[in-house]
Amino acid sequence: MTRTRKIIVTALLAAGVTLGAGSAFAYRGDCGGADGTRAESVQKRMEERHQARLEQLHKDLKLTTAQEGAWKTFTENSGPKNMKHPDREAMGKMTAPERMEQMLTFSKAHQAVMEERLAATKKFYSALT
């Protein structure tokens, strides 16, 4: 086999493998979507992981009874919040200034949640010894 032929065969094999592997990443209709089942399962897993991390942290910190109140406040404000993003379809029908106002409102709500978390974290840290 000549060198040119080997290069061509190798290139064709590489192209075939690449195209074959690409089909593994193709969209399948059963992986969730418009009905929200995938988003719900992701949210559920996030909450389970968060709860497991909190349980481990509580065990590792060996909190006293005096610190339990601050721990309770901390855990209530530290979890994932289910903040609904603005509807994409409705946003598409708005004018640019209306979309900006909507996003600013969402941003302010997110900032308020973060401020609550910060206050709870500071209170918890002050209770630690």
C-alpha atoms as a PDB file:
ATOM      1  CA  MET A   1       0.000   0.000   0.000  1.00  0.00           C
ATOM      2  CA  THR A   2       1.345   3.374  -0.861  1.00  0.00           C
ATOM      3  CA  ARG A   3       1.704   6.108   1.676  1.00  0.00           C
ATOM      4  CA  THR A   4      -1.070   8.207   0.072  1.00  0.00           C
ATOM      5  CA  ARG A   5      -3.456   5.278   0.210  1.00  0.00           C
ATOM      6  CA  LYS A   6      -2.708   4.709   3.922  1.00  0.00           C
ATOM      7  CA  ILE A   7      -3.414   8.366   4.659  1.00  0.00           C
ATOM      8  CA  ILE A   8      -6.722   8.257   2.782  1.00  0.00           C
ATOM      9  CA  VAL A   9      -7.827   5.044   4.523  1.00  0.00           C
ATOM     10  CA  THR A  10      -6.871   6.462   7.920  1.00  0.00           C
ATOM     11  CA  ALA A  11      -8.752   9.703   7.217  1.00  0.00           C
ATOM     12  CA  LEU A  12     -11.867   7.797   6.122  1.00  0.00           C
ATOM     13  CA  LEU A  13     -11.742   5.602   9.231  1.00  0.00           C
ATOM     14  CA  ALA A  14     -11.352   8.648  11.462  1.00  0.00           C
ATOM     15  CA  ALA A  15     -14.292  10.356   9.746  1.00  0.00           C
ATOM     16  CA  GLY A  16     -16.430   7.244  10.177  1.00  0.00           C
ATOM     17  CA  VAL A  17     -15.621   6.964  13.858  1.00  0.00           C
ATOM     18  CA  THR A  18     -16.334  10.656  14.369  1.00  0.00           C
ATOM     19  CA  LEU A  19     -19.703  10.465  12.625  1.00  0.00           C
ATOM     20  CA  GLY A  20     -20.610   7.306  14.499  1.00  0.00           C
ATOM     21  CA  ALA A  21     -19.731   8.845  17.845  1.00  0.00           C
ATOM     22  CA  GLY A  22     -21.719  11.963  17.008  1.00  0.00           C
ATOM     23  CA  SER A  23     -24.926   9.951  16.858  1.00  0.00           C
ATOM     24  CA  ALA A  24     -24.457   9.055  20.530  1.00  0.00           C
ATOM     25  CA  PHE A  25     -25.015  12.699  21.393  1.00  0.00           C
ATOM     26  CA  ALA A  26     -28.079  13.120  19.198  1.00  0.00           C
ATOM     27  CA  TYR A  27     -31.273  14.363  20.827  1.00  0.00           C
ATOM     28  CA  ARG A  28     -33.619  11.692  22.039  1.00  0.00           C
ATOM     29  CA  GLY A  29     -37.222  12.566  22.718  1.00  0.00           C
ATOM     30  CA  ASP A  30     -37.402  10.588  25.965  1.00  0.00           C
ATOM     31  CA  CYS A  31     -34.986  12.726  28.008  1.00  0.00           C
ATOM     32  CA  GLY A  32     -37.538  15.246  29.225  1.00  0.00           C
ATOM     33  CA  GLY A  33     -38.451  18.576  27.826  1.00  0.00           C
ATOM     34  CA  ALA A  34     -41.600  20.618  27.529  1.00  0.00           C
ATOM     35  CA  ASP A  35     -43.490  18.662  30.189  1.00  0.00           C
ATOM     36  CA  GLY A  36     -40.827  19.593  32.770  1.00  0.00           C
ATOM     37  CA  THR A  37     -40.113  16.074  34.007  1.00  0.00           C
ATOM     38  CA  ARG A  38     -36.363  16.440  33.561  1.00  0.00           C
ATOM     39  CA  ALA A  39     -36.298  19.780  35.354  1.00  0.00           C
ATOM     40  CA  GLU A  40     -38.282  18.301  38.233  1.00  0.00           C
ATOM     41  CA  SER A  41     -35.923  15.348  38.589  1.00  0.00           C
ATOM     42  CA  VAL A  42     -32.896  17.657  38.528  1.00  0.00           C
ATOM     43  CA  GLN A  43     -34.508  19.875  41.182  1.00  0.00           C
ATOM     44  CA  LYS A  44     -35.286  16.822  43.327  1.00  0.00           C
ATOM     45  CA  ARG A  45     -31.687  15.549  43.081  1.00  0.00           C
ATOM     46  CA  MET A  46     -30.339  18.998  43.976  1.00  0.00           C
ATOM     47  CA  GLU A  47     -32.539  19.125  47.069  1.00  0.00           C
ATOM     48  CA  GLU A  48     -31.491  15.608  48.121  1.00  0.00           C
ATOM     49  CA  ARG A  49     -27.787  16.457  47.739  1.00  0.00           C
ATOM     50  CA  HIS A  50     -28.239  19.710  49.622  1.00  0.00           C
ATOM     51  CA  GLN A  51     -29.984  17.898  52.463  1.00  0.00           C
ATOM     52  CA  ALA A  52     -27.206  15.289  52.626  1.00  0.00           C
ATOM     53  CA  ARG A  53     -24.539  18.025  52.749  1.00  0.00           C
ATOM     54  CA  LEU A  54     -26.397  19.806  55.555  1.00  0.00           C
ATOM     55  CA  GLU A  55     -26.682  16.585  57.558  1.00  0.00           C
ATOM     56  CA  GLN A  56     -22.963  15.921  57.146  1.00  0.00           C
ATOM     57  CA  LEU A  57     -22.094  19.511  58.096  1.00  0.00           C
ATOM     58  CA  HIS A  58     -24.312  19.326  61.181  1.00  0.00           C
ATOM     59  CA  LYS A  59     -22.592  16.115  62.246  1.00  0.00           C
ATOM     60  CA  ASP A  60     -19.099  17.536  61.622  1.00  0.00           C
ATOM     61  CA  LEU A  61     -19.744  20.801  63.508  1.00  0.00           C
ATOM     62  CA  LYS A  62     -20.930  19.036  66.692  1.00  0.00           C
ATOM     63  CA  LEU A  63     -23.239  21.919  67.598  1.00  0.00           C
ATOM     64  CA  THR A  64     -24.361  22.659  71.131  1.00  0.00           C
ATOM     65  CA  THR A  65     -28.002  23.110  72.075  1.00  0.00           C
ATOM     66  CA  ALA A  66     -27.429  26.868  72.256  1.00  0.00           C
ATOM     67  CA  GLN A  67     -26.309  26.873  68.617  1.00  0.00           C
ATOM     68  CA  GLU A  68     -29.257  24.858  67.290  1.00  0.00           C
ATOM     69  CA  GLY A  69     -31.477  27.942  66.848  1.00  0.00           C
ATOM     70  CA  ALA A  70     -28.908  29.616  64.621  1.00  0.00           C
ATOM     71  CA  TRP A  71     -28.461  26.330  62.732  1.00  0.00           C
ATOM     72  CA  LYS A  72     -32.203  26.122  62.084  1.00  0.00           C
ATOM     73  CA  THR A  73     -32.290  29.675  60.720  1.00  0.00           C
ATOM     74  CA  PHE A  74     -29.225  28.961  58.600  1.00  0.00           C
ATOM     75  CA  THR A  75     -30.680  25.785  57.079  1.00  0.00           C
ATOM     76  CA  GLU A  76     -34.036  27.399  56.324  1.00  0.00           C
ATOM     77  CA  ASN A  77     -32.341  30.125  54.297  1.00  0.00           C
ATOM     78  CA  SER A  78     -29.513  28.147  52.710  1.00  0.00           C
ATOM     79  CA  GLY A  79     -31.389  25.730  50.486  1.00  0.00           C
ATOM     80  CA  PRO A  80     -32.085  26.040  46.774  1.00  0.00           C
ATOM     81  CA  LYS A  81     -34.912  28.451  46.137  1.00  0.00           C
ATOM     82  CA  ASN A  82     -37.388  27.618  43.424  1.00  0.00           C
ATOM     83  CA  MET A  83     -37.341  30.998  41.721  1.00  0.00           C
ATOM     84  CA  LYS A  84     -39.302  30.957  38.490  1.00  0.00           C
ATOM     85  CA  HIS A  85     -37.569  32.617  35.594  1.00  0.00           C
ATOM     86  CA  PRO A  86     -39.710  34.828  33.383  1.00  0.00           C
ATOM     87  CA  ASP A  87     -41.591  32.932  30.676  1.00  0.00           C
ATOM     88  CA  ARG A  88     -39.505  32.880  27.499  1.00  0.00           C
ATOM     89  CA  GLU A  89     -42.506  33.100  25.203  1.00  0.00           C
ATOM     90  CA  ALA A  90     -43.985  36.050  27.068  1.00  0.00           C
ATOM     91  CA  MET A  91     -40.586  37.754  27.125  1.00  0.00           C
ATOM     92  CA  GLY A  92     -40.367  37.385  23.345  1.00  0.00           C
ATOM     93  CA  LYS A  93     -43.573  39.354  22.918  1.00  0.00           C
ATOM     94  CA  MET A  94     -42.383  42.261  25.078  1.00  0.00           C
ATOM     95  CA  THR A  95     -40.566  45.328  23.923  1.00  0.00           C
ATOM     96  CA  ALA A  96     -36.926  45.752  24.908  1.00  0.00           C
ATOM     97  CA  PRO A  97     -37.685  48.169  27.790  1.00  0.00           C
ATOM     98  CA  GLU A  98     -40.387  45.827  29.128  1.00  0.00           C
ATOM     99  CA  ARG A  99     -37.987  42.865  29.017  1.00  0.00           C
ATOM    100  CA  MET A 100     -35.353  44.905  30.825  1.00  0.00           C
ATOM    101  CA  GLU A 101     -37.864  45.856  33.546  1.00  0.00           C
ATOM    102  CA  GLN A 102     -38.882  42.199  33.910  1.00  0.00           C
ATOM    103  CA  MET A 103     -35.270  41.074  34.227  1.00  0.00           C
ATOM    104  CA  LEU A 104     -34.528  43.845  36.700  1.00  0.00           C
ATOM    105  CA  THR A 105     -37.484  42.716  38.832  1.00  0.00           C
ATOM    106  CA  PHE A 106     -36.184  39.135  38.743  1.00  0.00           C
ATOM    107  CA  SER A 107     -32.700  40.344  39.619  1.00  0.00           C
ATOM    108  CA  LYS A 108     -34.017  42.287  42.635  1.00  0.00           C
ATOM    109  CA  ALA A 109     -35.897  39.214  43.878  1.00  0.00           C
ATOM    110  CA  HIS A 110     -32.719  37.142  43.515  1.00  0.00           C
ATOM    111  CA  GLN A 111     -30.732  39.775  45.388  1.00  0.00           C
ATOM    112  CA  ALA A 112     -33.287  39.748  48.222  1.00  0.00           C
ATOM    113  CA  VAL A 113     -32.884  35.963  48.537  1.00  0.00           C
ATOM    114  CA  MET A 114     -29.099  36.343  48.638  1.00  0.00           C
ATOM    115  CA  GLU A 115     -29.357  39.042  51.330  1.00  0.00           C
ATOM    116  CA  GLU A 116     -31.502  36.691  53.447  1.00  0.00           C
ATOM    117  CA  ARG A 117     -28.880  33.959  53.042  1.00  0.00           C
ATOM    118  CA  LEU A 118     -26.098  36.350  53.986  1.00  0.00           C
ATOM    119  CA  ALA A 119     -27.911  37.479  57.131  1.00  0.00           C
ATOM    120  CA  ALA A 120     -28.610  33.869  58.175  1.00  0.00           C
ATOM    121  CA  THR A 121     -25.000  32.875  57.489  1.00  0.00           C
ATOM    122  CA  LYS A 122     -23.627  35.792  59.516  1.00  0.00           C
ATOM    123  CA  LYS A 123     -25.956  34.959  62.406  1.00  0.00           C
ATOM    124  CA  PHE A 124     -24.883  31.321  62.285  1.00  0.00           C
ATOM    125  CA  TYR A 125     -21.194  32.209  62.163  1.00  0.00           C
ATOM    126  CA  SER A 126     -21.566  34.502  65.157  1.00  0.00           C
ATOM    127  CA  ALA A 127     -23.114  31.626  67.123  1.00  0.00           C
ATOM    128  CA  LEU A 128     -20.205  29.269  66.395  1.00  0.00           C
ATOM    129  CA  THR A 129     -17.399  28.883  68.903  1.00  0.00           C
END
